[in-house]
Amino acid sequence: MNKEGLKKISYGVYIVNTVNSGCVVNTLTQVTNDKITVTINKDNYTNKMLKEYKKFNVTVLTKNTDMTVIQTFGFTSSKDNDKYANFKTEADSNNIPYIKEDMAALIEAEVTDIIDVDTHTIFIAKILNTKKLSNNEVMTYDYYHKVKNGVTPPKAPTYEKPKKGYRCKICGYVYEGEELPKDFVCPICGAPASAFEKID
């Protein structure tokens, strides 16, 4: 199947936060006046926590959001790390943490329905509250790739396995090409060329 057309779908960039867990997503959609959906890979720890705790919040990233936020919440697991430890956080009305700095908005929600879609789960949720956090321009997935030089994590619905290249063993960034320069530094986490493995 040719997937070129799918690359023209517009996405935002968000962080879904729940109890003891948070992750970056590009699959949040408002579907009615008081309902949203978010789709998360079944292997993602946040998927498990959402099924267990139901309540969560979402922050809308801005163009000013530092890449360390995306690297932490998009390329590491809450099962192994306290993702919030190195960031200033606040708590919503359900005492769920979120990063306020360089975020455009906060949406509090509660899961009402769950739909299984093979590798992912669609969570349908009732909006409980929203709050504007800044007037900064929101980050789109296109901006994340073209301006921030961001990459797609392997668990994301939009991930495509590269044909040839080298993958960073720290954060998952993929350098596409026949030869990795010896002085190459990962643009996401700063790892040296020695931290990359060849993809066949």
N, C-alpha and C. Protein backbone atom coordinates (compact mmCIF):
# COMPACT_ATOMS: atom_id res chain seq x y z
N MET A 1 0.85 -1.20 0.00
CA MET A 1 0.00 0.00 0.00
C MET A 1 0.89 1.25 0.00
N ASN A 2 0.54 2.21 -0.84
CA ASN A 2 1.24 3.49 -0.86
C ASN A 2 0.71 4.36 0.28
N LYS A 3 1.62 4.80 1.17
CA LYS A 3 1.20 5.57 2.35
C LYS A 3 1.53 7.05 2.23
N GLU A 4 1.93 7.51 1.04
CA GLU A 4 2.32 8.91 0.87
C GLU A 4 1.20 9.87 1.24
N GLY A 5 -0.03 9.52 0.91
CA GLY A 5 -1.16 10.39 1.21
C GLY A 5 -1.36 10.62 2.70
N LEU A 6 -1.02 9.62 3.51
CA LEU A 6 -1.19 9.74 4.96
C LEU A 6 -0.29 10.81 5.56
N LYS A 7 0.84 11.10 4.87
CA LYS A 7 1.78 12.11 5.38
C LYS A 7 1.21 13.52 5.27
N LYS A 8 0.11 13.68 4.56
CA LYS A 8 -0.52 14.99 4.41
C LYS A 8 -1.59 15.26 5.46
N ILE A 9 -1.89 14.27 6.31
CA ILE A 9 -2.85 14.49 7.40
C ILE A 9 -2.19 15.37 8.45
N SER A 10 -2.92 16.37 8.92
CA SER A 10 -2.39 17.30 9.91
C SER A 10 -2.57 16.75 11.32
N TYR A 11 -1.51 16.83 12.12
CA TYR A 11 -1.53 16.36 13.51
C TYR A 11 -1.02 17.46 14.44
N GLY A 12 -1.45 17.41 15.68
CA GLY A 12 -0.84 18.24 16.71
C GLY A 12 0.14 17.38 17.50
N VAL A 13 0.78 17.99 18.49
CA VAL A 13 1.69 17.25 19.37
C VAL A 13 1.27 17.53 20.81
N TYR A 14 1.08 16.46 21.59
CA TYR A 14 0.51 16.57 22.92
C TYR A 14 1.25 15.66 23.90
N ILE A 15 1.08 15.93 25.19
CA ILE A 15 1.52 14.99 26.22
C ILE A 15 0.29 14.53 26.99
N VAL A 16 0.09 13.22 27.04
CA VAL A 16 -0.97 12.63 27.85
C VAL A 16 -0.36 12.27 29.19
N ASN A 17 -0.92 12.80 30.28
CA ASN A 17 -0.44 12.54 31.63
C ASN A 17 -1.51 11.81 32.43
N THR A 18 -1.11 10.76 33.12
CA THR A 18 -2.01 10.09 34.04
C THR A 18 -1.20 9.72 35.28
N VAL A 19 -1.75 8.94 36.18
CA VAL A 19 -1.05 8.59 37.42
C VAL A 19 0.22 7.80 37.08
N ASN A 20 1.37 8.28 37.55
CA ASN A 20 2.67 7.63 37.38
C ASN A 20 3.11 7.46 35.93
N SER A 21 2.54 8.23 35.01
CA SER A 21 2.89 8.00 33.61
C SER A 21 2.53 9.19 32.73
N GLY A 22 3.29 9.31 31.64
CA GLY A 22 3.00 10.33 30.64
C GLY A 22 3.70 10.00 29.34
N CYS A 23 3.10 10.38 28.22
CA CYS A 23 3.73 10.12 26.93
C CYS A 23 3.31 11.13 25.88
N VAL A 24 4.18 11.33 24.87
CA VAL A 24 3.87 12.20 23.76
C VAL A 24 2.97 11.45 22.77
N VAL A 25 1.95 12.14 22.27
CA VAL A 25 1.07 11.56 21.25
C VAL A 25 0.80 12.61 20.17
N ASN A 26 0.41 12.13 18.99
CA ASN A 26 -0.05 13.03 17.93
C ASN A 26 -1.46 12.62 17.49
N THR A 27 -2.12 11.82 18.33
CA THR A 27 -3.38 11.19 17.95
C THR A 27 -4.56 11.63 18.81
N LEU A 28 -4.55 12.90 19.22
CA LEU A 28 -5.66 13.42 20.02
C LEU A 28 -6.63 14.16 19.10
N THR A 29 -7.93 13.90 19.27
CA THR A 29 -8.93 14.54 18.44
C THR A 29 -10.16 14.90 19.28
N GLN A 30 -10.67 16.10 19.07
CA GLN A 30 -11.96 16.46 19.67
C GLN A 30 -13.03 15.92 18.76
N VAL A 31 -13.96 15.11 19.29
CA VAL A 31 -14.98 14.48 18.44
C VAL A 31 -16.38 15.05 18.66
N THR A 32 -16.65 15.60 19.84
CA THR A 32 -17.92 16.29 20.11
C THR A 32 -17.60 17.48 21.02
N ASN A 33 -18.64 18.19 21.42
CA ASN A 33 -18.45 19.34 22.28
C ASN A 33 -17.77 18.99 23.60
N ASP A 34 -18.00 17.77 24.10
CA ASP A 34 -17.43 17.39 25.39
C ASP A 34 -16.70 16.05 25.37
N LYS A 35 -16.30 15.58 24.17
CA LYS A 35 -15.58 14.30 24.08
C LYS A 35 -14.32 14.44 23.22
N ILE A 36 -13.27 13.74 23.64
CA ILE A 36 -12.05 13.64 22.86
C ILE A 36 -11.68 12.17 22.73
N THR A 37 -10.83 11.86 21.75
CA THR A 37 -10.25 10.52 21.66
C THR A 37 -8.74 10.67 21.64
N VAL A 38 -8.07 9.66 22.16
CA VAL A 38 -6.61 9.59 22.07
C VAL A 38 -6.25 8.14 21.82
N THR A 39 -5.32 7.90 20.92
CA THR A 39 -4.91 6.56 20.55
C THR A 39 -3.48 6.32 21.02
N ILE A 40 -3.27 5.20 21.74
CA ILE A 40 -1.95 4.91 22.32
C ILE A 40 -1.59 3.44 22.08
N ASN A 41 -0.34 3.21 21.72
CA ASN A 41 0.17 1.87 21.49
C ASN A 41 -0.02 1.00 22.73
N LYS A 42 -0.40 -0.26 22.52
CA LYS A 42 -0.64 -1.18 23.64
C LYS A 42 0.63 -1.48 24.44
N ASP A 43 1.80 -1.36 23.81
CA ASP A 43 3.06 -1.62 24.51
C ASP A 43 3.51 -0.43 25.35
N ASN A 44 2.80 0.68 25.24
CA ASN A 44 3.17 1.88 25.98
C ASN A 44 2.63 1.80 27.41
N TYR A 45 3.47 2.12 28.38
CA TYR A 45 3.07 2.04 29.79
C TYR A 45 1.88 2.95 30.09
N THR A 46 1.79 4.08 29.41
CA THR A 46 0.66 5.00 29.63
C THR A 46 -0.66 4.35 29.23
N ASN A 47 -0.63 3.47 28.24
CA ASN A 47 -1.84 2.72 27.86
C ASN A 47 -2.36 1.94 29.05
N LYS A 48 -1.47 1.21 29.71
CA LYS A 48 -1.84 0.41 30.88
C LYS A 48 -2.38 1.29 32.01
N MET A 49 -1.72 2.42 32.26
CA MET A 49 -2.13 3.31 33.35
C MET A 49 -3.49 3.96 33.06
N LEU A 50 -3.74 4.29 31.79
CA LEU A 50 -5.05 4.87 31.44
C LEU A 50 -6.18 3.88 31.66
N LYS A 51 -5.94 2.61 31.31
CA LYS A 51 -6.95 1.59 31.53
C LYS A 51 -7.24 1.39 33.01
N GLU A 52 -6.20 1.55 33.82
CA GLU A 52 -6.35 1.33 35.26
C GLU A 52 -6.97 2.52 35.98
N TYR A 53 -6.49 3.75 35.67
CA TYR A 53 -6.89 4.92 36.45
C TYR A 53 -7.97 5.79 35.80
N LYS A 54 -8.16 5.65 34.49
CA LYS A 54 -9.22 6.34 33.73
C LYS A 54 -9.03 7.86 33.60
N LYS A 55 -8.70 8.55 34.68
CA LYS A 55 -8.57 10.01 34.61
C LYS A 55 -7.17 10.39 34.11
N PHE A 56 -7.14 11.48 33.31
CA PHE A 56 -5.87 11.94 32.75
C PHE A 56 -5.99 13.39 32.35
N ASN A 57 -4.86 13.97 31.98
CA ASN A 57 -4.89 15.30 31.37
C ASN A 57 -3.99 15.31 30.15
N VAL A 58 -4.20 16.31 29.33
CA VAL A 58 -3.42 16.47 28.10
C VAL A 58 -2.90 17.90 28.06
N THR A 59 -1.62 18.06 27.75
CA THR A 59 -1.09 19.39 27.50
C THR A 59 -0.79 19.52 26.01
N VAL A 60 -1.05 20.70 25.48
CA VAL A 60 -0.84 21.00 24.06
C VAL A 60 0.52 21.69 23.93
N LEU A 61 1.44 21.06 23.20
CA LEU A 61 2.78 21.61 23.07
C LEU A 61 2.80 22.83 22.16
N THR A 62 3.71 23.76 22.44
CA THR A 62 3.89 24.93 21.59
C THR A 62 5.20 24.80 20.82
N LYS A 63 5.40 25.69 19.88
CA LYS A 63 6.63 25.69 19.09
C LYS A 63 7.86 25.95 19.97
N ASN A 64 7.64 26.52 21.15
CA ASN A 64 8.75 26.81 22.06
C ASN A 64 9.12 25.64 22.96
N THR A 65 8.34 24.57 22.94
CA THR A 65 8.62 23.42 23.82
C THR A 65 10.00 22.87 23.53
N ASP A 66 10.79 22.72 24.59
CA ASP A 66 12.16 22.21 24.45
C ASP A 66 12.15 20.75 24.01
N MET A 67 13.10 20.39 23.16
CA MET A 67 13.17 19.01 22.66
C MET A 67 13.47 18.00 23.77
N THR A 68 14.03 18.44 24.89
CA THR A 68 14.27 17.50 26.00
C THR A 68 12.94 16.99 26.56
N VAL A 69 11.89 17.80 26.48
CA VAL A 69 10.57 17.37 26.93
C VAL A 69 10.08 16.24 26.03
N ILE A 70 10.20 16.43 24.72
CA ILE A 70 9.75 15.42 23.77
C ILE A 70 10.61 14.16 23.87
N GLN A 71 11.91 14.35 24.03
CA GLN A 71 12.81 13.20 24.16
C GLN A 71 12.46 12.37 25.40
N THR A 72 12.17 13.06 26.51
CA THR A 72 11.83 12.37 27.76
C THR A 72 10.49 11.66 27.68
N PHE A 73 9.46 12.38 27.21
CA PHE A 73 8.10 11.83 27.20
C PHE A 73 7.78 11.00 25.96
N GLY A 74 8.64 11.08 24.94
CA GLY A 74 8.38 10.33 23.72
C GLY A 74 9.29 9.14 23.49
N PHE A 75 10.45 9.13 24.16
CA PHE A 75 11.44 8.08 23.85
C PHE A 75 11.91 7.30 25.08
N THR A 76 11.31 7.55 26.24
CA THR A 76 11.63 6.75 27.43
C THR A 76 10.33 6.24 28.03
N SER A 77 10.42 5.26 28.89
CA SER A 77 9.22 4.67 29.50
C SER A 77 9.03 5.11 30.94
N SER A 78 7.79 5.42 31.30
CA SER A 78 7.47 5.77 32.69
C SER A 78 7.66 4.58 33.62
N LYS A 79 7.66 3.39 33.04
CA LYS A 79 7.87 2.17 33.84
C LYS A 79 9.28 2.15 34.42
N ASP A 80 10.23 2.76 33.68
CA ASP A 80 11.64 2.74 34.08
C ASP A 80 12.14 4.06 34.63
N ASN A 81 11.45 5.15 34.36
CA ASN A 81 11.94 6.48 34.74
C ASN A 81 10.82 7.35 35.30
N ASP A 82 11.21 8.28 36.20
CA ASP A 82 10.28 9.33 36.62
C ASP A 82 10.44 10.46 35.62
N LYS A 83 9.58 10.51 34.63
CA LYS A 83 9.71 11.49 33.56
C LYS A 83 9.57 12.93 34.05
N TYR A 84 8.92 13.12 35.17
CA TYR A 84 8.65 14.47 35.66
C TYR A 84 9.77 15.03 36.54
N ALA A 85 10.73 14.20 36.90
CA ALA A 85 11.76 14.57 37.88
C ALA A 85 12.56 15.81 37.50
N ASN A 86 12.85 15.99 36.22
CA ASN A 86 13.70 17.10 35.80
C ASN A 86 12.94 18.31 35.27
N PHE A 87 11.62 18.32 35.50
CA PHE A 87 10.81 19.43 35.01
C PHE A 87 9.97 20.02 36.13
N LYS A 88 9.68 21.31 36.01
CA LYS A 88 8.79 21.96 36.96
C LYS A 88 7.36 21.58 36.58
N THR A 89 6.62 21.02 37.53
CA THR A 89 5.26 20.55 37.24
C THR A 89 4.23 21.20 38.15
N GLU A 90 2.99 21.13 37.72
CA GLU A 90 1.84 21.50 38.54
C GLU A 90 0.89 20.32 38.52
N ALA A 91 -0.12 20.35 39.38
CA ALA A 91 -1.10 19.25 39.43
C ALA A 91 -2.46 19.78 39.02
N ASP A 92 -3.23 18.94 38.31
CA ASP A 92 -4.58 19.33 37.92
C ASP A 92 -5.55 19.05 39.08
N SER A 93 -6.83 19.17 38.83
CA SER A 93 -7.82 18.99 39.91
C SER A 93 -7.89 17.55 40.41
N ASN A 94 -7.34 16.59 39.64
CA ASN A 94 -7.29 15.19 40.08
C ASN A 94 -5.91 14.81 40.61
N ASN A 95 -5.08 15.83 40.85
CA ASN A 95 -3.73 15.65 41.38
C ASN A 95 -2.80 14.91 40.41
N ILE A 96 -3.08 15.01 39.11
CA ILE A 96 -2.23 14.42 38.08
C ILE A 96 -1.27 15.51 37.60
N PRO A 97 0.03 15.21 37.55
CA PRO A 97 1.00 16.24 37.18
C PRO A 97 0.98 16.59 35.69
N TYR A 98 1.47 17.79 35.39
CA TYR A 98 1.68 18.20 34.01
C TYR A 98 2.73 19.29 33.98
N ILE A 99 3.40 19.42 32.85
CA ILE A 99 4.38 20.49 32.66
C ILE A 99 3.62 21.69 32.12
N LYS A 100 3.79 22.83 32.76
CA LYS A 100 3.07 24.03 32.36
C LYS A 100 3.88 24.89 31.39
N GLU A 101 5.20 24.91 31.57
CA GLU A 101 6.05 25.78 30.77
C GLU A 101 6.02 25.41 29.29
N ASP A 102 5.83 26.42 28.44
CA ASP A 102 5.80 26.26 26.99
C ASP A 102 4.70 25.32 26.51
N MET A 103 3.59 25.28 27.24
CA MET A 103 2.40 24.55 26.82
C MET A 103 1.29 25.56 26.52
N ALA A 104 0.45 25.24 25.55
CA ALA A 104 -0.61 26.16 25.15
C ALA A 104 -1.89 25.98 25.95
N ALA A 105 -2.19 24.73 26.33
CA ALA A 105 -3.45 24.46 27.01
C ALA A 105 -3.38 23.17 27.82
N LEU A 106 -4.30 23.06 28.76
CA LEU A 106 -4.47 21.86 29.57
C LEU A 106 -5.90 21.38 29.40
N ILE A 107 -6.06 20.08 29.17
CA ILE A 107 -7.39 19.48 29.06
C ILE A 107 -7.46 18.33 30.05
N GLU A 108 -8.43 18.38 30.97
CA GLU A 108 -8.64 17.28 31.92
C GLU A 108 -9.78 16.42 31.41
N ALA A 109 -9.61 15.09 31.52
CA ALA A 109 -10.62 14.19 30.95
C ALA A 109 -10.69 12.88 31.72
N GLU A 110 -11.75 12.13 31.44
CA GLU A 110 -11.94 10.81 32.05
C GLU A 110 -12.39 9.81 30.98
N VAL A 111 -11.74 8.67 30.94
CA VAL A 111 -12.05 7.64 29.95
C VAL A 111 -13.46 7.11 30.17
N THR A 112 -14.24 7.05 29.08
CA THR A 112 -15.60 6.52 29.15
C THR A 112 -15.76 5.24 28.33
N ASP A 113 -14.96 5.10 27.27
CA ASP A 113 -15.02 3.92 26.42
C ASP A 113 -13.63 3.59 25.90
N ILE A 114 -13.43 2.30 25.61
CA ILE A 114 -12.14 1.83 25.08
C ILE A 114 -12.41 0.97 23.86
N ILE A 115 -11.66 1.24 22.78
CA ILE A 115 -11.80 0.47 21.54
C ILE A 115 -10.44 -0.14 21.19
N ASP A 116 -10.43 -1.45 20.97
CA ASP A 116 -9.21 -2.16 20.58
C ASP A 116 -9.02 -2.05 19.08
N VAL A 117 -7.83 -1.58 18.65
CA VAL A 117 -7.53 -1.51 17.21
C VAL A 117 -6.14 -2.12 16.95
N ASP A 118 -6.08 -3.43 17.05
CA ASP A 118 -4.86 -4.19 16.79
C ASP A 118 -3.71 -3.79 17.71
N THR A 119 -2.77 -3.00 17.20
CA THR A 119 -1.59 -2.63 17.99
C THR A 119 -1.85 -1.49 18.96
N HIS A 120 -2.97 -0.79 18.80
CA HIS A 120 -3.26 0.40 19.60
C HIS A 120 -4.62 0.30 20.29
N THR A 121 -4.84 1.21 21.22
CA THR A 121 -6.13 1.34 21.91
C THR A 121 -6.62 2.76 21.70
N ILE A 122 -7.89 2.89 21.32
CA ILE A 122 -8.52 4.21 21.25
C ILE A 122 -9.25 4.44 22.56
N PHE A 123 -8.90 5.52 23.24
CA PHE A 123 -9.58 5.90 24.48
C PHE A 123 -10.54 7.05 24.16
N ILE A 124 -11.83 6.84 24.42
CA ILE A 124 -12.82 7.90 24.28
C ILE A 124 -13.01 8.48 25.68
N ALA A 125 -12.95 9.81 25.78
CA ALA A 125 -12.98 10.42 27.10
C ALA A 125 -13.87 11.65 27.15
N LYS A 126 -14.50 11.85 28.30
CA LYS A 126 -15.32 13.03 28.56
C LYS A 126 -14.41 14.15 29.07
N ILE A 127 -14.54 15.33 28.49
CA ILE A 127 -13.76 16.48 28.93
C ILE A 127 -14.33 16.99 30.24
N LEU A 128 -13.49 17.11 31.25
CA LEU A 128 -13.92 17.58 32.57
C LEU A 128 -13.65 19.07 32.76
N ASN A 129 -12.54 19.53 32.16
CA ASN A 129 -12.16 20.94 32.33
C ASN A 129 -11.06 21.27 31.32
N THR A 130 -10.94 22.54 30.95
CA THR A 130 -9.84 22.99 30.11
C THR A 130 -9.30 24.31 30.66
N LYS A 131 -8.07 24.61 30.29
CA LYS A 131 -7.45 25.85 30.74
C LYS A 131 -6.43 26.29 29.69
N LYS A 132 -6.46 27.57 29.31
CA LYS A 132 -5.43 28.10 28.43
C LYS A 132 -4.19 28.39 29.27
N LEU A 133 -3.04 27.92 28.81
CA LEU A 133 -1.79 28.11 29.55
C LEU A 133 -0.90 29.19 28.95
N SER A 134 -1.04 29.45 27.65
CA SER A 134 -0.25 30.51 27.01
C SER A 134 -0.87 30.87 25.67
N ASN A 135 -0.36 31.95 25.07
CA ASN A 135 -0.80 32.38 23.75
C ASN A 135 0.20 31.96 22.67
N ASN A 136 1.19 31.17 23.03
CA ASN A 136 2.20 30.75 22.06
C ASN A 136 1.59 29.85 20.99
N GLU A 137 2.17 29.88 19.79
CA GLU A 137 1.67 29.05 18.69
C GLU A 137 1.85 27.57 19.01
N VAL A 138 0.86 26.77 18.68
CA VAL A 138 0.94 25.34 18.96
C VAL A 138 1.87 24.64 17.97
N MET A 139 2.47 23.55 18.44
CA MET A 139 3.36 22.76 17.59
C MET A 139 2.54 21.74 16.81
N THR A 140 2.76 21.70 15.51
CA THR A 140 2.17 20.65 14.69
C THR A 140 3.21 19.56 14.49
N TYR A 141 2.75 18.39 14.08
CA TYR A 141 3.67 17.27 13.84
C TYR A 141 4.60 17.61 12.68
N ASP A 142 4.07 18.34 11.70
CA ASP A 142 4.88 18.77 10.56
C ASP A 142 6.01 19.70 11.02
N TYR A 143 5.67 20.65 11.90
CA TYR A 143 6.68 21.58 12.46
C TYR A 143 7.72 20.81 13.26
N TYR A 144 7.27 19.85 14.04
CA TYR A 144 8.17 19.01 14.84
C TYR A 144 9.22 18.32 13.96
N HIS A 145 8.78 17.83 12.80
CA HIS A 145 9.71 17.15 11.89
C HIS A 145 10.58 18.12 11.10
N LYS A 146 9.97 19.15 10.51
CA LYS A 146 10.70 20.02 9.59
C LYS A 146 11.55 21.08 10.27
N VAL A 147 11.08 21.64 11.37
CA VAL A 147 11.82 22.71 12.04
C VAL A 147 12.62 22.20 13.22
N LYS A 148 12.02 21.34 14.04
CA LYS A 148 12.71 20.81 15.22
C LYS A 148 13.59 19.60 14.88
N ASN A 149 13.47 19.10 13.64
CA ASN A 149 14.21 17.90 13.22
C ASN A 149 13.87 16.68 14.08
N GLY A 150 12.63 16.60 14.51
CA GLY A 150 12.18 15.48 15.34
C GLY A 150 11.99 14.21 14.54
N VAL A 151 11.98 13.10 15.24
CA VAL A 151 11.77 11.80 14.60
C VAL A 151 10.55 11.13 15.22
N THR A 152 10.05 10.12 14.54
CA THR A 152 8.87 9.39 15.01
C THR A 152 9.29 8.18 15.82
N PRO A 153 8.83 8.06 17.08
CA PRO A 153 9.17 6.88 17.88
C PRO A 153 8.56 5.61 17.29
N PRO A 154 9.20 4.46 17.48
CA PRO A 154 8.71 3.20 16.91
C PRO A 154 7.28 2.82 17.32
N LYS A 155 6.79 3.28 18.49
CA LYS A 155 5.44 2.91 18.93
C LYS A 155 4.35 3.83 18.39
N ALA A 156 4.74 4.89 17.67
CA ALA A 156 3.75 5.83 17.15
C ALA A 156 3.01 5.24 15.95
N PRO A 157 1.73 5.58 15.77
CA PRO A 157 0.96 5.05 14.63
C PRO A 157 1.55 5.45 13.28
N THR A 158 2.26 6.59 13.25
CA THR A 158 2.81 7.09 11.99
C THR A 158 4.23 6.60 11.73
N TYR A 159 4.75 5.72 12.59
CA TYR A 159 6.13 5.24 12.42
C TYR A 159 6.25 4.33 11.20
N GLU A 160 7.32 4.55 10.43
CA GLU A 160 7.65 3.68 9.32
C GLU A 160 9.09 3.24 9.47
N LYS A 161 9.33 1.95 9.37
CA LYS A 161 10.68 1.42 9.52
C LYS A 161 11.54 1.92 8.35
N PRO A 162 12.68 2.55 8.65
CA PRO A 162 13.54 3.03 7.58
C PRO A 162 14.16 1.88 6.81
N LYS A 163 14.43 2.12 5.52
CA LYS A 163 15.01 1.06 4.69
C LYS A 163 16.45 0.77 5.09
N LYS A 164 17.27 1.82 5.24
CA LYS A 164 18.66 1.66 5.64
C LYS A 164 19.04 2.83 6.54
N GLY A 165 19.97 2.58 7.43
CA GLY A 165 20.42 3.66 8.28
C GLY A 165 20.98 3.17 9.60
N TYR A 166 21.00 4.08 10.58
CA TYR A 166 21.56 3.80 11.90
C TYR A 166 20.62 4.35 12.96
N ARG A 167 20.33 3.53 13.99
CA ARG A 167 19.40 3.91 15.05
C ARG A 167 20.16 4.20 16.34
N CYS A 168 19.80 5.33 16.99
CA CYS A 168 20.38 5.67 18.29
C CYS A 168 19.81 4.71 19.34
N LYS A 169 20.69 4.03 20.07
CA LYS A 169 20.25 3.06 21.09
C LYS A 169 19.73 3.76 22.34
N ILE A 170 19.95 5.07 22.44
CA ILE A 170 19.49 5.82 23.61
C ILE A 170 18.05 6.29 23.43
N CYS A 171 17.78 6.97 22.30
CA CYS A 171 16.46 7.58 22.14
C CYS A 171 15.66 7.08 20.95
N GLY A 172 16.27 6.32 20.05
CA GLY A 172 15.53 5.79 18.92
C GLY A 172 15.62 6.60 17.64
N TYR A 173 16.31 7.75 17.68
CA TYR A 173 16.46 8.56 16.47
C TYR A 173 17.12 7.73 15.38
N VAL A 174 16.66 7.90 14.13
CA VAL A 174 17.21 7.15 13.01
C VAL A 174 17.88 8.09 12.02
N TYR A 175 19.15 7.81 11.75
CA TYR A 175 19.89 8.51 10.70
C TYR A 175 19.77 7.65 9.45
N GLU A 176 19.19 8.21 8.40
CA GLU A 176 19.02 7.44 7.17
C GLU A 176 20.18 7.72 6.24
N GLY A 177 20.85 6.66 5.82
CA GLY A 177 21.99 6.79 4.93
C GLY A 177 22.86 5.55 4.97
N GLU A 178 23.76 5.46 4.00
CA GLU A 178 24.65 4.29 3.90
C GLU A 178 25.73 4.30 4.98
N GLU A 179 26.26 5.49 5.29
CA GLU A 179 27.39 5.60 6.21
C GLU A 179 27.12 6.66 7.26
N LEU A 180 27.32 6.33 8.51
CA LEU A 180 27.15 7.28 9.61
C LEU A 180 28.47 8.01 9.83
N PRO A 181 28.50 9.34 9.74
CA PRO A 181 29.76 10.07 9.98
C PRO A 181 30.30 9.79 11.38
N LYS A 182 31.62 9.65 11.48
CA LYS A 182 32.26 9.30 12.76
C LYS A 182 32.03 10.36 13.83
N ASP A 183 31.87 11.62 13.40
CA ASP A 183 31.67 12.71 14.36
C ASP A 183 30.19 13.06 14.55
N PHE A 184 29.29 12.16 14.08
CA PHE A 184 27.85 12.44 14.16
C PHE A 184 27.39 12.47 15.62
N VAL A 185 26.52 13.42 15.92
CA VAL A 185 25.93 13.55 17.26
C VAL A 185 24.41 13.51 17.10
N CYS A 186 23.75 12.69 17.89
CA CYS A 186 22.30 12.56 17.81
C CYS A 186 21.63 13.91 18.06
N PRO A 187 20.78 14.39 17.14
CA PRO A 187 20.13 15.69 17.32
C PRO A 187 19.05 15.69 18.40
N ILE A 188 18.64 14.51 18.85
CA ILE A 188 17.61 14.43 19.89
C ILE A 188 18.21 14.37 21.29
N CYS A 189 19.12 13.42 21.51
CA CYS A 189 19.64 13.22 22.88
C CYS A 189 21.12 13.55 23.03
N GLY A 190 21.81 13.87 21.93
CA GLY A 190 23.22 14.25 22.03
C GLY A 190 24.19 13.08 22.10
N ALA A 191 23.71 11.86 21.89
CA ALA A 191 24.60 10.69 21.95
C ALA A 191 25.58 10.70 20.78
N PRO A 192 26.81 10.16 21.00
CA PRO A 192 27.81 10.12 19.92
C PRO A 192 27.51 9.00 18.93
N ALA A 193 28.29 8.97 17.84
CA ALA A 193 28.10 7.96 16.79
C ALA A 193 28.24 6.54 17.34
N SER A 194 29.04 6.36 18.37
CA SER A 194 29.25 5.02 18.95
C SER A 194 27.98 4.45 19.58
N ALA A 195 26.98 5.30 19.84
CA ALA A 195 25.73 4.83 20.45
C ALA A 195 24.71 4.40 19.40
N PHE A 196 25.09 4.42 18.12
CA PHE A 196 24.19 4.04 17.04
C PHE A 196 24.43 2.61 16.58
N GLU A 197 23.34 1.93 16.20
CA GLU A 197 23.43 0.58 15.65
C GLU A 197 22.90 0.59 14.23
N LYS A 198 23.50 -0.23 13.38
CA LYS A 198 23.11 -0.28 11.98
C LYS A 198 21.76 -0.99 11.83
N ILE A 199 20.91 -0.46 10.95
CA ILE A 199 19.63 -1.09 10.63
C ILE A 199 19.77 -1.77 9.29
N ASP A 200 19.47 -3.06 9.24
CA ASP A 200 19.57 -3.79 7.97
C ASP A 200 18.25 -3.86 7.25
